[in-house]
């Protein structure tokens, strides 16, 4: 299953983790061509770490444990997110895989047996041929990205969910969250949430990061608005990955 222009990564264990290139930045040197300094705790000033997967757990990510190892998985709705997340996970020394999410077909209602048909007056019945010819749109594709079970995630697994009460969302952690479930909305930016989790904890963490917003009524999104907050979000998550559409990444044309 592919998306036009984005052939997906083969569904197999990736090669061994690649060494992370350390970023060098001189104190006082301009961080961008326009002379602006790189933000403290931004994705471009902090080395990537397995602890950054906290950003996925703050959003729709799930933590799994088996034996003395742990893994993190997340379901995404775009192929480009698979590309970006796998690259980010490998940069943190973690093996990663992906698989399409197979949606279960809706169950058909059972018809009661030995029941005479009830005649309903009104509009004439629709011919069977017309019903069969009606196209049924398939649901949009979704994909699950997951790390391999690893001891490198044990510290995160031992601290979660208790650590959520003092959640610190640095730039690298927000970058993973945006890659998995971030999208622009009119006048703001949306971060996907797991509605089963306490939205107040996430709200408090984002307020501490200078990204105060609000949880949507259905608990599935955190909405950030305001020019200053949106600018700060773009600075924290860093430059757009090559696979990410410019209109979706914070600071892009649509965000």
C-alpha atoms as a PDB file:
ATOM      1  CA  UNK A   1       0.000   0.000   0.000  1.00  0.00           C
ATOM      2  CA  UNK A   2       1.620   3.207  -1.109  1.00  0.00           C
ATOM      3  CA  UNK A   3       0.846   6.871  -1.401  1.00  0.00           C
ATOM      4  CA  UNK A   4       1.525   8.621  -4.702  1.00  0.00           C
ATOM      5  CA  UNK A   5       5.086   9.847  -4.767  1.00  0.00           C
ATOM      6  CA  UNK A   6       5.961   8.212  -1.469  1.00  0.00           C
ATOM      7  CA  UNK A   7       6.944   4.545  -1.848  1.00  0.00           C
ATOM      8  CA  UNK A   8       6.931   3.178   1.668  1.00  0.00           C
ATOM      9  CA  UNK A   9       9.846   1.506   3.398  1.00  0.00           C
ATOM     10  CA  UNK A  10       9.842  -2.334   2.997  1.00  0.00           C
ATOM     11  CA  UNK A  11       8.093  -3.966   5.914  1.00  0.00           C
ATOM     12  CA  UNK A  12      11.135  -5.509   7.559  1.00  0.00           C
ATOM     13  CA  UNK A  13      13.570  -4.785  10.328  1.00  0.00           C
ATOM     14  CA  UNK A  14      15.741  -1.854   9.387  1.00  0.00           C
ATOM     15  CA  UNK A  15      19.549  -2.060   9.225  1.00  0.00           C
ATOM     16  CA  UNK A  16      21.538  -1.567  12.449  1.00  0.00           C
ATOM     17  CA  UNK A  17      21.159   1.888  13.987  1.00  0.00           C
ATOM     18  CA  UNK A  18      23.271   4.548  12.338  1.00  0.00           C
ATOM     19  CA  UNK A  19      25.507   6.807  14.441  1.00  0.00           C
ATOM     20  CA  UNK A  20      23.966  10.164  15.219  1.00  0.00           C
ATOM     21  CA  UNK A  21      25.863  13.114  13.823  1.00  0.00           C
ATOM     22  CA  UNK A  22      26.509  15.491  16.668  1.00  0.00           C
ATOM     23  CA  UNK A  23      25.456  19.043  16.029  1.00  0.00           C
ATOM     24  CA  UNK A  24      27.974  21.765  16.695  1.00  0.00           C
ATOM     25  CA  UNK A  25      26.814  25.235  17.577  1.00  0.00           C
ATOM     26  CA  UNK A  26      29.012  27.999  18.873  1.00  0.00           C
ATOM     27  CA  UNK A  27      27.698  30.080  21.717  1.00  0.00           C
ATOM     28  CA  UNK A  28      26.563  33.468  20.437  1.00  0.00           C
ATOM     29  CA  UNK A  29      26.545  32.424  16.790  1.00  0.00           C
ATOM     30  CA  UNK A  30      23.327  33.032  14.866  1.00  0.00           C
ATOM     31  CA  UNK A  31      21.261  29.887  14.577  1.00  0.00           C
ATOM     32  CA  UNK A  32      19.538  30.722  11.302  1.00  0.00           C
ATOM     33  CA  UNK A  33      20.254  32.827   8.242  1.00  0.00           C
ATOM     34  CA  UNK A  34      18.034  35.604   9.554  1.00  0.00           C
ATOM     35  CA  UNK A  35      20.241  35.948  12.621  1.00  0.00           C
ATOM     36  CA  UNK A  36      17.797  34.469  15.154  1.00  0.00           C
ATOM     37  CA  UNK A  37      19.236  32.384  17.960  1.00  0.00           C
ATOM     38  CA  UNK A  38      18.292  28.721  18.245  1.00  0.00           C
ATOM     39  CA  UNK A  39      15.792  28.252  21.092  1.00  0.00           C
ATOM     40  CA  UNK A  40      16.853  26.610  24.322  1.00  0.00           C
ATOM     41  CA  UNK A  41      15.622  22.991  24.481  1.00  0.00           C
ATOM     42  CA  UNK A  42      14.927  23.060  20.736  1.00  0.00           C
ATOM     43  CA  UNK A  43      15.317  20.042  18.477  1.00  0.00           C
ATOM     44  CA  UNK A  44      18.404  21.604  16.862  1.00  0.00           C
ATOM     45  CA  UNK A  45      20.244  22.208  20.151  1.00  0.00           C
ATOM     46  CA  UNK A  46      19.608  18.910  22.003  1.00  0.00           C
ATOM     47  CA  UNK A  47      21.011  15.543  20.995  1.00  0.00           C
ATOM     48  CA  UNK A  48      18.311  12.955  20.165  1.00  0.00           C
ATOM     49  CA  UNK A  49      17.703  10.334  22.846  1.00  0.00           C
ATOM     50  CA  UNK A  50      15.382   7.340  23.415  1.00  0.00           C
ATOM     51  CA  UNK A  51      13.764   9.441  26.150  1.00  0.00           C
ATOM     52  CA  UNK A  52      12.366  11.650  23.374  1.00  0.00           C
ATOM     53  CA  UNK A  53       9.715   8.987  22.761  1.00  0.00           C
ATOM     54  CA  UNK A  54       7.955  10.618  25.691  1.00  0.00           C
ATOM     55  CA  UNK A  55       6.593  12.944  23.021  1.00  0.00           C
ATOM     56  CA  UNK A  56       4.814  10.035  21.353  1.00  0.00           C
ATOM     57  CA  UNK A  57       3.375   8.878  24.675  1.00  0.00           C
ATOM     58  CA  UNK A  58       2.099  12.389  25.371  1.00  0.00           C
ATOM     59  CA  UNK A  59       0.132  12.076  22.136  1.00  0.00           C
ATOM     60  CA  UNK A  60      -1.417   8.923  20.647  1.00  0.00           C
ATOM     61  CA  UNK A  61       1.567   6.588  21.242  1.00  0.00           C
ATOM     62  CA  UNK A  62       1.353   3.351  23.211  1.00  0.00           C
ATOM     63  CA  UNK A  63       3.915   1.708  25.506  1.00  0.00           C
ATOM     64  CA  UNK A  64       4.357  -2.060  25.506  1.00  0.00           C
ATOM     65  CA  UNK A  65       6.390  -4.222  27.877  1.00  0.00           C
ATOM     66  CA  UNK A  66       7.644  -7.772  27.591  1.00  0.00           C
ATOM     67  CA  UNK A  67      10.201  -9.417  29.830  1.00  0.00           C
ATOM     68  CA  UNK A  68      12.941  -6.915  30.556  1.00  0.00           C
ATOM     69  CA  UNK A  69      12.305  -4.818  27.447  1.00  0.00           C
ATOM     70  CA  UNK A  70       9.848  -2.218  26.210  1.00  0.00           C
ATOM     71  CA  UNK A  71       8.665  -0.718  22.948  1.00  0.00           C
ATOM     72  CA  UNK A  72       6.636   2.260  21.755  1.00  0.00           C
ATOM     73  CA  UNK A  73       4.124   2.152  18.917  1.00  0.00           C
ATOM     74  CA  UNK A  74       1.897   4.733  17.275  1.00  0.00           C
ATOM     75  CA  UNK A  75      -0.723   4.659  14.519  1.00  0.00           C
ATOM     76  CA  UNK A  76      -0.402   7.365  11.860  1.00  0.00           C
ATOM     77  CA  UNK A  77      -2.628   8.347   8.955  1.00  0.00           C
ATOM     78  CA  UNK A  78      -0.099   9.416   6.304  1.00  0.00           C
ATOM     79  CA  UNK A  79       2.732   7.621   4.539  1.00  0.00           C
ATOM     80  CA  UNK A  80       5.130  10.532   4.972  1.00  0.00           C
ATOM     81  CA  UNK A  81       4.790  10.179   8.736  1.00  0.00           C
ATOM     82  CA  UNK A  82       6.126   6.631   8.436  1.00  0.00           C
ATOM     83  CA  UNK A  83       9.226   7.934   6.653  1.00  0.00           C
ATOM     84  CA  UNK A  84       9.881  10.671   9.193  1.00  0.00           C
ATOM     85  CA  UNK A  85       9.239   8.579  12.299  1.00  0.00           C
ATOM     86  CA  UNK A  86      11.363   5.633  11.180  1.00  0.00           C
ATOM     87  CA  UNK A  87      14.269   7.977  10.445  1.00  0.00           C
ATOM     88  CA  UNK A  88      13.866   9.694  13.830  1.00  0.00           C
ATOM     89  CA  UNK A  89      13.728   6.376  15.693  1.00  0.00           C
ATOM     90  CA  UNK A  90      16.826   5.035  13.930  1.00  0.00           C
ATOM     91  CA  UNK A  91      18.668   8.262  14.784  1.00  0.00           C
ATOM     92  CA  UNK A  92      17.972   7.417  18.438  1.00  0.00           C
ATOM     93  CA  UNK A  93      19.579   3.988  18.133  1.00  0.00           C
ATOM     94  CA  UNK A  94      16.288   2.101  17.921  1.00  0.00           C
ATOM     95  CA  UNK A  95      15.283  -0.484  15.326  1.00  0.00           C
ATOM     96  CA  UNK A  96      11.857   0.265  13.852  1.00  0.00           C
ATOM     97  CA  UNK A  97       9.263  -1.457  11.708  1.00  0.00           C
ATOM     98  CA  UNK A  98       5.916  -0.478  10.238  1.00  0.00           C
ATOM     99  CA  UNK A  99       2.811  -2.274   9.033  1.00  0.00           C
ATOM    100  CA  UNK A 100      -0.505  -1.206   7.487  1.00  0.00           C
ATOM    101  CA  UNK A 101      -3.436  -1.197   9.868  1.00  0.00           C
ATOM    102  CA  UNK A 102      -6.086  -3.633   8.689  1.00  0.00           C
ATOM    103  CA  UNK A 103      -9.509  -2.213   9.434  1.00  0.00           C
ATOM    104  CA  UNK A 104     -12.133  -4.772  10.416  1.00  0.00           C
ATOM    105  CA  UNK A 105     -15.199  -4.622   8.131  1.00  0.00           C
ATOM    106  CA  UNK A 106     -18.368  -3.386   9.821  1.00  0.00           C
ATOM    107  CA  UNK A 107     -20.559  -6.193  11.105  1.00  0.00           C
ATOM    108  CA  UNK A 108     -23.815  -6.665   9.227  1.00  0.00           C
ATOM    109  CA  UNK A 109     -26.956  -6.618  11.363  1.00  0.00           C
ATOM    110  CA  UNK A 110     -28.458 -10.051  11.890  1.00  0.00           C
ATOM    111  CA  UNK A 111     -31.778 -10.671  10.244  1.00  0.00           C
ATOM    112  CA  UNK A 112     -34.407 -12.305  12.462  1.00  0.00           C
ATOM    113  CA  UNK A 113     -35.473 -15.717  11.270  1.00  0.00           C
ATOM    114  CA  UNK A 114     -39.017 -16.802  10.521  1.00  0.00           C
ATOM    115  CA  UNK A 115     -40.327 -13.280  10.354  1.00  0.00           C
ATOM    116  CA  UNK A 116     -42.768 -12.165   7.709  1.00  0.00           C
ATOM    117  CA  UNK A 117     -41.667  -9.138   5.686  1.00  0.00           C
ATOM    118  CA  UNK A 118     -43.258  -5.887   6.789  1.00  0.00           C
ATOM    119  CA  UNK A 119     -44.702  -3.762   4.036  1.00  0.00           C
ATOM    120  CA  UNK A 120     -43.750  -0.115   4.365  1.00  0.00           C
ATOM    121  CA  UNK A 121     -45.789   2.338   2.382  1.00  0.00           C
ATOM    122  CA  UNK A 122     -44.209   5.394   0.889  1.00  0.00           C
ATOM    123  CA  UNK A 123     -41.341   5.547  -1.595  1.00  0.00           C
ATOM    124  CA  UNK A 124     -40.879   2.543  -3.888  1.00  0.00           C
ATOM    125  CA  UNK A 125     -38.074   0.144  -2.952  1.00  0.00           C
ATOM    126  CA  UNK A 126     -34.662   0.714  -4.516  1.00  0.00           C
ATOM    127  CA  UNK A 127     -33.828  -1.935  -7.123  1.00  0.00           C
ATOM    128  CA  UNK A 128     -31.185  -4.422  -6.000  1.00  0.00           C
ATOM    129  CA  UNK A 129     -28.993  -3.619  -9.011  1.00  0.00           C
ATOM    130  CA  UNK A 130     -28.820   0.045  -7.959  1.00  0.00           C
ATOM    131  CA  UNK A 131     -27.803  -0.878  -4.429  1.00  0.00           C
ATOM    132  CA  UNK A 132     -25.009  -3.139  -5.663  1.00  0.00           C
ATOM    133  CA  UNK A 133     -23.685  -0.503  -8.055  1.00  0.00           C
ATOM    134  CA  UNK A 134     -23.297   2.130  -5.325  1.00  0.00           C
ATOM    135  CA  UNK A 135     -19.528   2.522  -4.774  1.00  0.00           C
ATOM    136  CA  UNK A 136     -18.313   2.143  -1.205  1.00  0.00           C
ATOM    137  CA  UNK A 137     -15.337   4.348  -0.429  1.00  0.00           C
ATOM    138  CA  UNK A 138     -12.633   2.450   1.443  1.00  0.00           C
ATOM    139  CA  UNK A 139     -11.367   4.024   4.670  1.00  0.00           C
ATOM    140  CA  UNK A 140      -8.172   6.068   4.333  1.00  0.00           C
ATOM    141  CA  UNK A 141      -5.029   3.994   4.886  1.00  0.00           C
ATOM    142  CA  UNK A 142      -3.409   4.002   8.296  1.00  0.00           C
ATOM    143  CA  UNK A 143      -0.076   2.624   9.412  1.00  0.00           C
ATOM    144  CA  UNK A 144       1.445   1.464  12.672  1.00  0.00           C
ATOM    145  CA  UNK A 145       5.041   2.462  13.365  1.00  0.00           C
ATOM    146  CA  UNK A 146       6.726   0.654  16.229  1.00  0.00           C
ATOM    147  CA  UNK A 147      10.132   0.186  17.750  1.00  0.00           C
ATOM    148  CA  UNK A 148      11.578  -3.224  18.434  1.00  0.00           C
ATOM    149  CA  UNK A 149      11.442  -4.346  22.056  1.00  0.00           C
ATOM    150  CA  UNK A 150      14.599  -2.902  23.548  1.00  0.00           C
ATOM    151  CA  UNK A 151      16.313  -2.463  26.889  1.00  0.00           C
ATOM    152  CA  UNK A 152      17.132   1.077  25.795  1.00  0.00           C
ATOM    153  CA  UNK A 153      13.506   1.976  26.537  1.00  0.00           C
ATOM    154  CA  UNK A 154      13.444   0.443  30.020  1.00  0.00           C
ATOM    155  CA  UNK A 155      14.056   3.762  31.776  1.00  0.00           C
ATOM    156  CA  UNK A 156      11.107   5.280  29.942  1.00  0.00           C
ATOM    157  CA  UNK A 157       8.931   2.264  30.712  1.00  0.00           C
ATOM    158  CA  UNK A 158       9.800   2.330  34.421  1.00  0.00           C
ATOM    159  CA  UNK A 159       8.986   6.031  34.687  1.00  0.00           C
ATOM    160  CA  UNK A 160       5.703   5.909  32.755  1.00  0.00           C
ATOM    161  CA  UNK A 161       2.933   6.796  33.503  1.00  0.00           C
ATOM    162  CA  UNK A 162       4.027   8.322  36.821  1.00  0.00           C
ATOM    163  CA  UNK A 163       6.372  10.665  34.952  1.00  0.00           C
ATOM    164  CA  UNK A 164       3.433  12.128  33.044  1.00  0.00           C
ATOM    165  CA  UNK A 165       2.557  14.274  36.053  1.00  0.00           C
ATOM    166  CA  UNK A 166       5.898  16.118  35.624  1.00  0.00           C
ATOM    167  CA  UNK A 167       6.083  15.802  31.855  1.00  0.00           C
ATOM    168  CA  UNK A 168       8.740  17.957  30.195  1.00  0.00           C
ATOM    169  CA  UNK A 169       8.275  18.457  26.456  1.00  0.00           C
ATOM    170  CA  UNK A 170      11.542  19.507  24.863  1.00  0.00           C
ATOM    171  CA  UNK A 171      11.981  20.268  21.171  1.00  0.00           C
ATOM    172  CA  UNK A 172      13.006  16.702  20.172  1.00  0.00           C
ATOM    173  CA  UNK A 173      10.004  15.265  22.007  1.00  0.00           C
ATOM    174  CA  UNK A 174       7.617  17.710  20.385  1.00  0.00           C
ATOM    175  CA  UNK A 175       9.222  16.930  17.024  1.00  0.00           C
ATOM    176  CA  UNK A 176       8.219  13.267  17.327  1.00  0.00           C
ATOM    177  CA  UNK A 177       4.711  14.257  18.401  1.00  0.00           C
ATOM    178  CA  UNK A 178       4.319  16.576  15.413  1.00  0.00           C
ATOM    179  CA  UNK A 179       5.676  13.898  13.064  1.00  0.00           C
ATOM    180  CA  UNK A 180       3.126  11.394  14.355  1.00  0.00           C
ATOM    181  CA  UNK A 181      -0.005  13.491  14.818  1.00  0.00           C
ATOM    182  CA  UNK A 182       0.512  17.177  14.059  1.00  0.00           C
ATOM    183  CA  UNK A 183      -1.495  19.100  11.488  1.00  0.00           C
ATOM    184  CA  UNK A 184      -2.506  22.713  10.868  1.00  0.00           C
ATOM    185  CA  UNK A 185      -5.972  23.987  11.593  1.00  0.00           C
ATOM    186  CA  UNK A 186      -7.512  27.363  10.674  1.00  0.00           C
ATOM    187  CA  UNK A 187      -5.818  29.864  12.952  1.00  0.00           C
ATOM    188  CA  UNK A 188      -3.745  27.292  14.794  1.00  0.00           C
ATOM    189  CA  UNK A 189      -2.101  23.898  14.995  1.00  0.00           C
ATOM    190  CA  UNK A 190      -3.445  20.542  16.174  1.00  0.00           C
ATOM    191  CA  UNK A 191      -1.598  17.834  18.112  1.00  0.00           C
ATOM    192  CA  UNK A 192      -3.343  14.461  18.235  1.00  0.00           C
ATOM    193  CA  UNK A 193      -4.166  12.954  21.631  1.00  0.00           C
ATOM    194  CA  UNK A 194      -5.269   9.634  23.034  1.00  0.00           C
ATOM    195  CA  UNK A 195      -8.737  10.440  24.436  1.00  0.00           C
ATOM    196  CA  UNK A 196      -8.269   7.746  27.095  1.00  0.00           C
ATOM    197  CA  UNK A 197      -5.523   9.779  28.759  1.00  0.00           C
ATOM    198  CA  UNK A 198      -5.808  12.740  31.095  1.00  0.00           C
ATOM    199  CA  UNK A 199      -5.792  15.838  28.912  1.00  0.00           C
ATOM    200  CA  UNK A 200      -5.069  18.075  31.910  1.00  0.00           C
ATOM    201  CA  UNK A 201      -1.617  16.508  32.325  1.00  0.00           C
ATOM    202  CA  UNK A 202      -0.741  17.193  28.687  1.00  0.00           C
ATOM    203  CA  UNK A 203      -2.161  20.711  28.943  1.00  0.00           C
ATOM    204  CA  UNK A 204       0.054  21.463  31.951  1.00  0.00           C
ATOM    205  CA  UNK A 205       3.144  20.188  30.126  1.00  0.00           C
ATOM    206  CA  UNK A 206       2.441  22.292  27.046  1.00  0.00           C
ATOM    207  CA  UNK A 207       1.817  25.362  29.193  1.00  0.00           C
ATOM    208  CA  UNK A 208       5.256  24.838  30.766  1.00  0.00           C
ATOM    209  CA  UNK A 209       6.704  24.659  27.243  1.00  0.00           C
ATOM    210  CA  UNK A 210       5.125  28.012  26.367  1.00  0.00           C
ATOM    211  CA  UNK A 211       2.498  26.409  24.126  1.00  0.00           C
ATOM    212  CA  UNK A 212      -0.676  26.972  26.096  1.00  0.00           C
ATOM    213  CA  UNK A 213      -3.803  25.935  24.224  1.00  0.00           C
ATOM    214  CA  UNK A 214      -6.838  23.793  24.914  1.00  0.00           C
ATOM    215  CA  UNK A 215      -7.997  20.198  24.666  1.00  0.00           C
ATOM    216  CA  UNK A 216     -10.788  19.640  22.146  1.00  0.00           C
ATOM    217  CA  UNK A 217     -14.209  18.613  23.392  1.00  0.00           C
ATOM    218  CA  UNK A 218     -13.781  15.031  22.196  1.00  0.00           C
ATOM    219  CA  UNK A 219     -10.357  14.762  23.852  1.00  0.00           C
ATOM    220  CA  UNK A 220      -8.640  13.761  20.606  1.00  0.00           C
ATOM    221  CA  UNK A 221      -6.741  16.978  19.914  1.00  0.00           C
ATOM    222  CA  UNK A 222      -4.783  19.738  21.575  1.00  0.00           C
ATOM    223  CA  UNK A 223      -5.246  23.048  19.766  1.00  0.00           C
ATOM    224  CA  UNK A 224      -2.520  25.692  19.862  1.00  0.00           C
ATOM    225  CA  UNK A 225      -3.394  29.175  18.636  1.00  0.00           C
ATOM    226  CA  UNK A 226      -1.761  32.578  18.625  1.00  0.00           C
ATOM    227  CA  UNK A 227       1.103  33.831  16.483  1.00  0.00           C
ATOM    228  CA  UNK A 228       3.705  33.796  19.256  1.00  0.00           C
ATOM    229  CA  UNK A 229       2.864  30.250  20.338  1.00  0.00           C
ATOM    230  CA  UNK A 230       2.861  28.945  16.775  1.00  0.00           C
ATOM    231  CA  UNK A 231       6.232  30.593  16.163  1.00  0.00           C
ATOM    232  CA  UNK A 232       7.615  28.997  19.314  1.00  0.00           C
ATOM    233  CA  UNK A 233       6.307  25.582  18.263  1.00  0.00           C
ATOM    234  CA  UNK A 234       8.051  25.919  14.885  1.00  0.00           C
ATOM    235  CA  UNK A 235      11.299  26.931  16.588  1.00  0.00           C
ATOM    236  CA  UNK A 236      11.165  24.049  19.069  1.00  0.00           C
ATOM    237  CA  UNK A 237      10.502  21.258  16.563  1.00  0.00           C
ATOM    238  CA  UNK A 238      13.210  22.470  14.186  1.00  0.00           C
ATOM    239  CA  UNK A 239      13.589  22.290  10.443  1.00  0.00           C
ATOM    240  CA  UNK A 240      11.067  20.398   8.354  1.00  0.00           C
ATOM    241  CA  UNK A 241      12.120  16.834   7.440  1.00  0.00           C
ATOM    242  CA  UNK A 242      12.466  16.301   3.710  1.00  0.00           C
ATOM    243  CA  UNK A 243       9.568  13.816   3.626  1.00  0.00           C
ATOM    244  CA  UNK A 244       7.140  16.113   5.475  1.00  0.00           C
ATOM    245  CA  UNK A 245       4.878  18.378   3.384  1.00  0.00           C
ATOM    246  CA  UNK A 246       5.677  22.045   3.871  1.00  0.00           C
ATOM    247  CA  UNK A 247       2.014  22.869   4.390  1.00  0.00           C
ATOM    248  CA  UNK A 248       1.768  20.502   7.351  1.00  0.00           C
ATOM    249  CA  UNK A 249       4.985  21.123   9.292  1.00  0.00           C
ATOM    250  CA  UNK A 250       4.931  23.977  11.840  1.00  0.00           C
ATOM    251  CA  UNK A 251       6.106  27.195  10.275  1.00  0.00           C
ATOM    252  CA  UNK A 252       5.177  26.030   6.777  1.00  0.00           C
ATOM    253  CA  UNK A 253       2.791  27.554   4.298  1.00  0.00           C
ATOM    254  CA  UNK A 254      -0.303  25.931   5.778  1.00  0.00           C
ATOM    255  CA  UNK A 255       0.726  26.057   9.415  1.00  0.00           C
END
